[in-house]
C-alpha atoms as a PDB file:
ATOM      1  CA  UNK A   1      -0.043   0.067  -0.324  1.00  0.00           C
ATOM      2  CA  UNK A   2       1.232   3.592  -0.931  1.00  0.00           C
ATOM      3  CA  UNK A   3       1.522   6.343   1.455  1.00  0.00           C
ATOM      4  CA  UNK A   4      -1.141   7.865  -0.495  1.00  0.00           C
ATOM      5  CA  UNK A   5      -3.784   5.032  -0.265  1.00  0.00           C
ATOM      6  CA  UNK A   6      -2.848   4.493   3.125  1.00  0.00           C
ATOM      7  CA  UNK A   7      -3.493   8.233   4.165  1.00  0.00           C
ATOM      8  CA  UNK A   8      -6.529   8.127   2.686  1.00  0.00           C
ATOM      9  CA  UNK A   9      -7.717   5.234   4.450  1.00  0.00           C
ATOM     10  CA  UNK A  10      -6.667   6.678   7.655  1.00  0.00           C
ATOM     11  CA  UNK A  11      -8.900   9.790   6.622  1.00  0.00           C
ATOM     12  CA  UNK A  12     -12.203   7.424   6.003  1.00  0.00           C
ATOM     13  CA  UNK A  13     -11.586   5.502   8.764  1.00  0.00           C
ATOM     14  CA  UNK A  14     -10.775   8.116  11.643  1.00  0.00           C
ATOM     15  CA  UNK A  15     -11.672  11.371  10.080  1.00  0.00           C
ATOM     16  CA  UNK A  16      -9.628  14.376   9.901  1.00  0.00           C
ATOM     17  CA  UNK A  17      -8.958  14.560  13.275  1.00  0.00           C
ATOM     18  CA  UNK A  18      -6.639  11.737  13.314  1.00  0.00           C
ATOM     19  CA  UNK A  19      -4.745  13.127  10.852  1.00  0.00           C
ATOM     20  CA  UNK A  20      -2.433  15.051  13.071  1.00  0.00           C
ATOM     21  CA  UNK A  21      -2.011  12.302  15.255  1.00  0.00           C
ATOM     22  CA  UNK A  22      -1.153   9.798  12.645  1.00  0.00           C
ATOM     23  CA  UNK A  23       1.506  12.193  11.420  1.00  0.00           C
ATOM     24  CA  UNK A  24       3.422  12.756  14.481  1.00  0.00           C
ATOM     25  CA  UNK A  25       3.545   8.886  15.428  1.00  0.00           C
ATOM     26  CA  UNK A  26       4.963   8.372  11.894  1.00  0.00           C
ATOM     27  CA  UNK A  27       7.274  11.105  12.439  1.00  0.00           C
ATOM     28  CA  UNK A  28       8.341   9.770  15.821  1.00  0.00           C
ATOM     29  CA  UNK A  29       9.232   6.360  14.004  1.00  0.00           C
ATOM     30  CA  UNK A  30      11.014   7.959  11.575  1.00  0.00           C
ATOM     31  CA  UNK A  31      13.222   9.629  14.223  1.00  0.00           C
ATOM     32  CA  UNK A  32      13.566   6.656  16.456  1.00  0.00           C
ATOM     33  CA  UNK A  33      15.022   4.679  13.209  1.00  0.00           C
ATOM     34  CA  UNK A  34      17.193   7.459  12.255  1.00  0.00           C
ATOM     35  CA  UNK A  35      18.649   7.616  15.636  1.00  0.00           C
ATOM     36  CA  UNK A  36      19.048   4.249  15.888  1.00  0.00           C
ATOM     37  CA  UNK A  37      20.982   3.847  12.198  1.00  0.00           C
ATOM     38  CA  UNK A  38      23.065   6.793  13.621  1.00  0.00           C
ATOM     39  CA  UNK A  39      24.006   4.686  16.722  1.00  0.00           C
ATOM     40  CA  UNK A  40      24.503   1.825  15.049  1.00  0.00           C
ATOM     41  CA  UNK A  41      27.147   3.166  12.625  1.00  0.00           C
ATOM     42  CA  UNK A  42      29.032   5.207  15.529  1.00  0.00           C
ATOM     43  CA  UNK A  43      28.910   1.801  17.406  1.00  0.00           C
ATOM     44  CA  UNK A  44      30.935   0.232  14.646  1.00  0.00           C
ATOM     45  CA  UNK A  45      33.034   3.220  14.005  1.00  0.00           C
ATOM     46  CA  UNK A  46      34.165   3.110  17.679  1.00  0.00           C
ATOM     47  CA  UNK A  47      34.888  -0.613  17.664  1.00  0.00           C
ATOM     48  CA  UNK A  48      36.709  -0.419  14.579  1.00  0.00           C
ATOM     49  CA  UNK A  49      38.661   2.427  15.928  1.00  0.00           C
ATOM     50  CA  UNK A  50      39.593   0.325  19.188  1.00  0.00           C
ATOM     51  CA  UNK A  51      40.243  -2.619  16.975  1.00  0.00           C
ATOM     52  CA  UNK A  52      42.551  -0.837  14.915  1.00  0.00           C
ATOM     53  CA  UNK A  53      44.681   0.684  17.786  1.00  0.00           C
ATOM     54  CA  UNK A  54      44.703  -2.900  19.305  1.00  0.00           C
ATOM     55  CA  UNK A  55      46.196  -3.840  15.816  1.00  0.00           C
ATOM     56  CA  UNK A  56      48.626  -1.275  15.642  1.00  0.00           C
ATOM     57  CA  UNK A  57      50.117  -1.645  19.060  1.00  0.00           C
ATOM     58  CA  UNK A  58      51.362  -5.192  18.074  1.00  0.00           C
ATOM     59  CA  UNK A  59      52.774  -4.449  14.732  1.00  0.00           C
ATOM     60  CA  UNK A  60      56.021  -3.463  16.465  1.00  0.00           C
ATOM     61  CA  UNK A  61      56.184  -6.621  18.238  1.00  0.00           C
ATOM     62  CA  UNK A  62      55.687  -8.621  15.164  1.00  0.00           C
ATOM     63  CA  UNK A  63      58.227  -6.608  13.361  1.00  0.00           C
ATOM     64  CA  UNK A  64      61.068  -7.157  16.213  1.00  0.00           C
ATOM     65  CA  UNK A  65      59.917 -10.878  15.725  1.00  0.00           C
ATOM     66  CA  UNK A  66      60.297 -10.847  12.090  1.00  0.00           C
ATOM     67  CA  UNK A  67      63.452  -9.418  12.072  1.00  0.00           C
ATOM     68  CA  UNK A  68      65.120 -11.706  15.096  1.00  0.00           C
ATOM     69  CA  UNK A  69      63.728 -14.602  12.904  1.00  0.00           C
ATOM     70  CA  UNK A  70      65.211 -13.262   9.885  1.00  0.00           C
ATOM     71  CA  UNK A  71      68.698 -12.746  11.644  1.00  0.00           C
ATOM     72  CA  UNK A  72      68.502 -16.230  13.129  1.00  0.00           C
ATOM     73  CA  UNK A  73      68.216 -18.290   9.801  1.00  0.00           C
ATOM     74  CA  UNK A  74      71.443 -16.292   8.552  1.00  0.00           C
ATOM     75  CA  UNK A  75      73.249 -17.156  11.827  1.00  0.00           C
ATOM     76  CA  UNK A  76      72.476 -20.903  11.470  1.00  0.00           C
ATOM     77  CA  UNK A  77      73.380 -20.891   7.854  1.00  0.00           C
ATOM     78  CA  UNK A  78      76.715 -19.292   9.115  1.00  0.00           C
ATOM     79  CA  UNK A  79      77.158 -22.134  11.803  1.00  0.00           C
ATOM     80  CA  UNK A  80      75.746 -25.062   9.225  1.00  0.00           C
ATOM     81  CA  UNK A  81      78.758 -24.017   6.667  1.00  0.00           C
ATOM     82  CA  UNK A  82      81.138 -24.267   9.895  1.00  0.00           C
ATOM     83  CA  UNK A  83      79.597 -27.851  10.727  1.00  0.00           C
ATOM     84  CA  UNK A  84      78.113 -26.258  14.489  1.00  0.00           C
ATOM     85  CA  UNK A  85      74.721 -26.883  13.384  1.00  0.00           C
ATOM     86  CA  UNK A  86      72.645 -29.465  11.484  1.00  0.00           C
ATOM     87  CA  UNK A  87      70.426 -28.870   8.453  1.00  0.00           C
ATOM     88  CA  UNK A  88      67.356 -29.797  10.646  1.00  0.00           C
ATOM     89  CA  UNK A  89      68.466 -26.543  12.850  1.00  0.00           C
ATOM     90  CA  UNK A  90      68.118 -24.527   9.624  1.00  0.00           C
ATOM     91  CA  UNK A  91      64.840 -25.703   8.728  1.00  0.00           C
ATOM     92  CA  UNK A  92      63.310 -25.066  12.213  1.00  0.00           C
ATOM     93  CA  UNK A  93      64.877 -21.497  12.072  1.00  0.00           C
ATOM     94  CA  UNK A  94      62.888 -21.071   8.469  1.00  0.00           C
ATOM     95  CA  UNK A  95      59.990 -22.049   9.834  1.00  0.00           C
ATOM     96  CA  UNK A  96      60.076 -19.837  12.417  1.00  0.00           C
ATOM     97  CA  UNK A  97      60.544 -17.135   9.876  1.00  0.00           C
ATOM     98  CA  UNK A  98      57.828 -18.117   7.977  1.00  0.00           C
ATOM     99  CA  UNK A  99      55.486 -18.329  11.294  1.00  0.00           C
ATOM    100  CA  UNK A 100      56.828 -14.557  11.837  1.00  0.00           C
ATOM    101  CA  UNK A 101      56.311 -13.432   8.166  1.00  0.00           C
ATOM    102  CA  UNK A 102      52.770 -14.780   8.368  1.00  0.00           C
ATOM    103  CA  UNK A 103      51.614 -12.934  11.841  1.00  0.00           C
ATOM    104  CA  UNK A 104      53.273  -9.881  10.451  1.00  0.00           C
ATOM    105  CA  UNK A 105      51.076 -10.149   7.192  1.00  0.00           C
ATOM    106  CA  UNK A 106      47.987 -10.806   9.130  1.00  0.00           C
ATOM    107  CA  UNK A 107      48.366  -7.906  11.205  1.00  0.00           C
ATOM    108  CA  UNK A 108      49.058  -5.770   8.260  1.00  0.00           C
ATOM    109  CA  UNK A 109      46.188  -7.178   6.549  1.00  0.00           C
ATOM    110  CA  UNK A 110      43.721  -6.526   9.393  1.00  0.00           C
ATOM    111  CA  UNK A 111      44.853  -2.999   9.338  1.00  0.00           C
ATOM    112  CA  UNK A 112      43.520  -2.766   5.796  1.00  0.00           C
ATOM    113  CA  UNK A 113      40.161  -4.572   6.392  1.00  0.00           C
ATOM    114  CA  UNK A 114      39.601  -2.232   9.280  1.00  0.00           C
ATOM    115  CA  UNK A 115      40.387   0.910   7.282  1.00  0.00           C
ATOM    116  CA  UNK A 116      37.879  -0.386   4.390  1.00  0.00           C
ATOM    117  CA  UNK A 117      35.273  -1.228   7.079  1.00  0.00           C
ATOM    118  CA  UNK A 118      35.479   2.237   8.624  1.00  0.00           C
ATOM    119  CA  UNK A 119      35.335   3.745   4.999  1.00  0.00           C
ATOM    120  CA  UNK A 120      32.340   1.652   4.031  1.00  0.00           C
ATOM    121  CA  UNK A 121      30.397   2.402   7.549  1.00  0.00           C
ATOM    122  CA  UNK A 122      31.123   6.249   6.960  1.00  0.00           C
ATOM    123  CA  UNK A 123      29.713   6.258   3.634  1.00  0.00           C
ATOM    124  CA  UNK A 124      26.658   5.028   4.378  1.00  0.00           C
ATOM    125  CA  UNK A 125      25.708   8.732   4.607  1.00  0.00           C
ATOM    126  CA  UNK A 126      26.132   9.042   1.067  1.00  0.00           C
ATOM    127  CA  UNK A 127      24.289   6.109   0.019  1.00  0.00           C
ATOM    128  CA  UNK A 128      21.021   6.634  -2.068  1.00  0.00           C
ATOM    129  CA  UNK A 129      17.484   4.963  -0.606  1.00  0.00           C
ATOM    130  CA  UNK A 130      18.352   1.701  -1.829  1.00  0.00           C
ATOM    131  CA  UNK A 131      18.263  -0.491  -4.748  1.00  0.00           C
ATOM    132  CA  UNK A 132      15.958   0.353  -7.591  1.00  0.00           C
ATOM    133  CA  UNK A 133      15.005  -1.463 -11.005  1.00  0.00           C
ATOM    134  CA  UNK A 134      17.285   0.886 -12.927  1.00  0.00           C
ATOM    135  CA  UNK A 135      19.908   1.337 -10.458  1.00  0.00           C
ATOM    136  CA  UNK A 136      21.136   4.539  -8.917  1.00  0.00           C
ATOM    137  CA  UNK A 137      24.553   6.392  -8.715  1.00  0.00           C
ATOM    138  CA  UNK A 138      25.813   8.752  -6.242  1.00  0.00           C
ATOM    139  CA  UNK A 139      28.980  10.423  -5.958  1.00  0.00           C
ATOM    140  CA  UNK A 140      30.499  12.575  -3.354  1.00  0.00           C
ATOM    141  CA  UNK A 141      33.877  13.866  -2.633  1.00  0.00           C
ATOM    142  CA  UNK A 142      34.911  10.644  -0.610  1.00  0.00           C
ATOM    143  CA  UNK A 143      33.230   7.863  -2.271  1.00  0.00           C
ATOM    144  CA  UNK A 144      31.340   6.599  -5.041  1.00  0.00           C
ATOM    145  CA  UNK A 145      28.024   4.464  -4.896  1.00  0.00           C
ATOM    146  CA  UNK A 146      26.106   2.784  -7.751  1.00  0.00           C
ATOM    147  CA  UNK A 147      23.209   0.606  -6.138  1.00  0.00           C
ATOM    148  CA  UNK A 148      22.911  -1.858  -8.810  1.00  0.00           C
ATOM    149  CA  UNK A 149      20.148  -2.768 -11.391  1.00  0.00           C
ATOM    150  CA  UNK A 150      20.482  -6.743 -11.614  1.00  0.00           C
ATOM    151  CA  UNK A 151      20.831  -7.851  -7.614  1.00  0.00           C
ATOM    152  CA  UNK A 152      24.032  -9.477  -6.467  1.00  0.00           C
ATOM    153  CA  UNK A 153      25.293 -12.717  -4.660  1.00  0.00           C
ATOM    154  CA  UNK A 154      28.830 -13.228  -4.037  1.00  0.00           C
ATOM    155  CA  UNK A 155      28.864 -16.496  -6.337  1.00  0.00           C
ATOM    156  CA  UNK A 156      28.856 -14.238  -8.996  1.00  0.00           C
ATOM    157  CA  UNK A 157      32.328 -12.768  -8.036  1.00  0.00           C
ATOM    158  CA  UNK A 158      33.955 -15.592 -10.273  1.00  0.00           C
ATOM    159  CA  UNK A 159      32.121 -13.625 -13.534  1.00  0.00           C
ATOM    160  CA  UNK A 160      34.218 -10.438 -11.955  1.00  0.00           C
ATOM    161  CA  UNK A 161      37.467 -12.228 -11.646  1.00  0.00           C
ATOM    162  CA  UNK A 162      37.088 -13.994 -15.100  1.00  0.00           C
ATOM    163  CA  UNK A 163      36.802 -10.498 -16.531  1.00  0.00           C
ATOM    164  CA  UNK A 164      39.769  -9.028 -15.058  1.00  0.00           C
ATOM    165  CA  UNK A 165      41.972 -11.771 -15.393  1.00  0.00           C
ATOM    166  CA  UNK A 166      41.242 -11.845 -18.852  1.00  0.00           C
ATOM    167  CA  UNK A 167      41.554  -8.253 -19.690  1.00  0.00           C
ATOM    168  CA  UNK A 168      44.588  -7.621 -17.361  1.00  0.00           C
ATOM    169  CA  UNK A 169      46.245 -11.032 -17.460  1.00  0.00           C
ATOM    170  CA  UNK A 170      46.383 -11.031 -13.782  1.00  0.00           C
ATOM    171  CA  UNK A 171      44.119 -12.250 -10.541  1.00  0.00           C
ATOM    172  CA  UNK A 172      41.812  -9.704  -9.351  1.00  0.00           C
ATOM    173  CA  UNK A 173      43.595  -8.177  -6.182  1.00  0.00           C
ATOM    174  CA  UNK A 174      41.081  -9.177  -3.640  1.00  0.00           C
ATOM    175  CA  UNK A 175      41.738  -8.032  -0.197  1.00  0.00           C
ATOM    176  CA  UNK A 176      38.495  -9.250   1.516  1.00  0.00           C
ATOM    177  CA  UNK A 177      36.061 -12.094   0.197  1.00  0.00           C
ATOM    178  CA  UNK A 178      33.391 -12.194   2.189  1.00  0.00           C
ATOM    179  CA  UNK A 179      33.620 -12.809   5.848  1.00  0.00           C
ATOM    180  CA  UNK A 180      36.833 -12.361   7.488  1.00  0.00           C
ATOM    181  CA  UNK A 181      37.975 -12.665  10.849  1.00  0.00           C
ATOM    182  CA  UNK A 182      38.219  -8.986  11.246  1.00  0.00           C
ATOM    183  CA  UNK A 183      34.552  -8.227  10.130  1.00  0.00           C
ATOM    184  CA  UNK A 184      33.505 -11.312  12.768  1.00  0.00           C
ATOM    185  CA  UNK A 185      35.526  -9.580  15.616  1.00  0.00           C
ATOM    186  CA  UNK A 186      33.850  -6.112  15.001  1.00  0.00           C
ATOM    187  CA  UNK A 187      30.100  -7.602  13.951  1.00  0.00           C
ATOM    188  CA  UNK A 188      29.812  -6.201  10.676  1.00  0.00           C
ATOM    189  CA  UNK A 189      28.239  -8.230   7.994  1.00  0.00           C
ATOM    190  CA  UNK A 190      30.526  -8.911   4.836  1.00  0.00           C
ATOM    191  CA  UNK A 191      29.367 -12.296   3.846  1.00  0.00           C
ATOM    192  CA  UNK A 192      28.007 -10.891   0.354  1.00  0.00           C
ATOM    193  CA  UNK A 193      30.671  -8.312  -0.302  1.00  0.00           C
ATOM    194  CA  UNK A 194      34.090  -8.581  -2.029  1.00  0.00           C
ATOM    195  CA  UNK A 195      36.970  -5.720  -1.460  1.00  0.00           C
ATOM    196  CA  UNK A 196      38.920  -5.206  -4.112  1.00  0.00           C
ATOM    197  CA  UNK A 197      42.380  -3.153  -3.716  1.00  0.00           C
ATOM    198  CA  UNK A 198      42.424  -0.912  -6.824  1.00  0.00           C
ATOM    199  CA  UNK A 199      42.234   3.096  -7.038  1.00  0.00           C
ATOM    200  CA  UNK A 200      38.897   3.651  -8.937  1.00  0.00           C
ATOM    201  CA  UNK A 201      40.666   6.277 -10.978  1.00  0.00           C
ATOM    202  CA  UNK A 202      43.676   3.798 -12.069  1.00  0.00           C
ATOM    203  CA  UNK A 203      43.253   2.244 -15.677  1.00  0.00           C
ATOM    204  CA  UNK A 204      42.153  -1.093 -14.058  1.00  0.00           C
ATOM    205  CA  UNK A 205      39.727   0.607 -11.519  1.00  0.00           C
ATOM    206  CA  UNK A 206      37.996   2.361 -13.912  1.00  0.00           C
ATOM    207  CA  UNK A 207      37.490  -0.848 -16.098  1.00  0.00           C
ATOM    208  CA  UNK A 208      36.304  -2.725 -13.210  1.00  0.00           C
ATOM    209  CA  UNK A 209      33.916  -0.052 -12.414  1.00  0.00           C
ATOM    210  CA  UNK A 210      32.649  -0.033 -16.019  1.00  0.00           C
ATOM    211  CA  UNK A 211      31.875  -3.786 -16.265  1.00  0.00           C
ATOM    212  CA  UNK A 212      30.366  -3.446 -12.487  1.00  0.00           C
ATOM    213  CA  UNK A 213      27.969  -0.801 -13.917  1.00  0.00           C
ATOM    214  CA  UNK A 214      27.252  -2.278 -17.253  1.00  0.00           C
ATOM    215  CA  UNK A 215      26.245  -5.509 -15.502  1.00  0.00           C
ATOM    216  CA  UNK A 216      24.228  -3.512 -12.819  1.00  0.00           C
ATOM    217  CA  UNK A 217      26.171  -5.006 -10.155  1.00  0.00           C
ATOM    218  CA  UNK A 218      26.274  -2.547  -7.044  1.00  0.00           C
ATOM    219  CA  UNK A 219      29.839  -1.255  -5.654  1.00  0.00           C
ATOM    220  CA  UNK A 220      31.219   1.336  -3.401  1.00  0.00           C
ATOM    221  CA  UNK A 221      34.713   3.116  -4.643  1.00  0.00           C
ATOM    222  CA  UNK A 222      36.844   5.019  -2.657  1.00  0.00           C
ATOM    223  CA  UNK A 223      38.837   7.430  -4.897  1.00  0.00           C
ATOM    224  CA  UNK A 224      41.478   8.391  -2.018  1.00  0.00           C
ATOM    225  CA  UNK A 225      42.273   7.863   1.251  1.00  0.00           C
ATOM    226  CA  UNK A 226      39.666   9.639   4.082  1.00  0.00           C
ATOM    227  CA  UNK A 227      41.693  11.528   6.169  1.00  0.00           C
ATOM    228  CA  UNK A 228      41.176  10.124   9.984  1.00  0.00           C
ATOM    229  CA  UNK A 229      39.038   7.251   8.438  1.00  0.00           C
ATOM    230  CA  UNK A 230      41.025   5.012   5.239  1.00  0.00           C
ATOM    231  CA  UNK A 231      44.480   4.813   4.459  1.00  0.00           C
ATOM    232  CA  UNK A 232      43.890   3.893   0.966  1.00  0.00           C
ATOM    233  CA  UNK A 233      41.647   3.441  -2.098  1.00  0.00           C
ATOM    234  CA  UNK A 234      39.387   0.353  -2.855  1.00  0.00           C
ATOM    235  CA  UNK A 235      36.283  -0.707  -4.360  1.00  0.00           C
ATOM    236  CA  UNK A 236      33.644  -2.413  -2.404  1.00  0.00           C
ATOM    237  CA  UNK A 237      31.614  -4.701  -4.685  1.00  0.00           C
ATOM    238  CA  UNK A 238      28.222  -5.780  -3.484  1.00  0.00           C
ATOM    239  CA  UNK A 239      25.607  -3.528  -1.255  1.00  0.00           C
ATOM    240  CA  UNK A 240      26.971  -1.619   1.501  1.00  0.00           C
ATOM    241  CA  UNK A 241      27.668  -3.944   4.692  1.00  0.00           C
ATOM    242  CA  UNK A 242      25.712  -3.574   8.102  1.00  0.00           C
ATOM    243  CA  UNK A 243      25.904  -4.432  11.550  1.00  0.00           C
ATOM    244  CA  UNK A 244      25.102  -7.901  12.416  1.00  0.00           C
END
């Protein structure tokens, strides 16, 4: 039922005297919904900032571990040449180095994901009312958004990957495919979304955006870093993620 027909029904049932009361209730509900959405976004941003700070605090520790592991490998190789350690000792040191590298890489990746999540949550203020049959496009200084025209499911990501690989001869640089540990920690629903580490103004970024729009696939594109919010540009394929 449209608002006009609903309004007319109220007039018929309760008369003109009920109109003012109905409008007041509707206004209160709209205000309450807007307040809840704002609070939810603020909760996401607050949690993301705290998580980002905790990860950044660990980076120096991981860097020290990585350096120590690298030095240990070199030292054991020197000792091996002198016959003072076995090959097994070198293998153990190399495994420790790999583990330290994984820890460091994961921490850096978590920072990137958190930046992207913060940017996406902040970009909600720029979004259109929702997907339409013809698709909508919105652009602000820090974000571009296309609401799509044909729907979207993460299973379709293989088509996007196929397009990119055939055009540029390399894999689509995906930074987050579906739900990640970072999104789980922050309670952000990213199950139906894909983040791509491409600058929207690059040749590859422009080609990807054109493909998405041509095929009616929704996306958010961040052309530059947002001071205090996100450290780099990326393209979010799918509808904006929301708090779980």
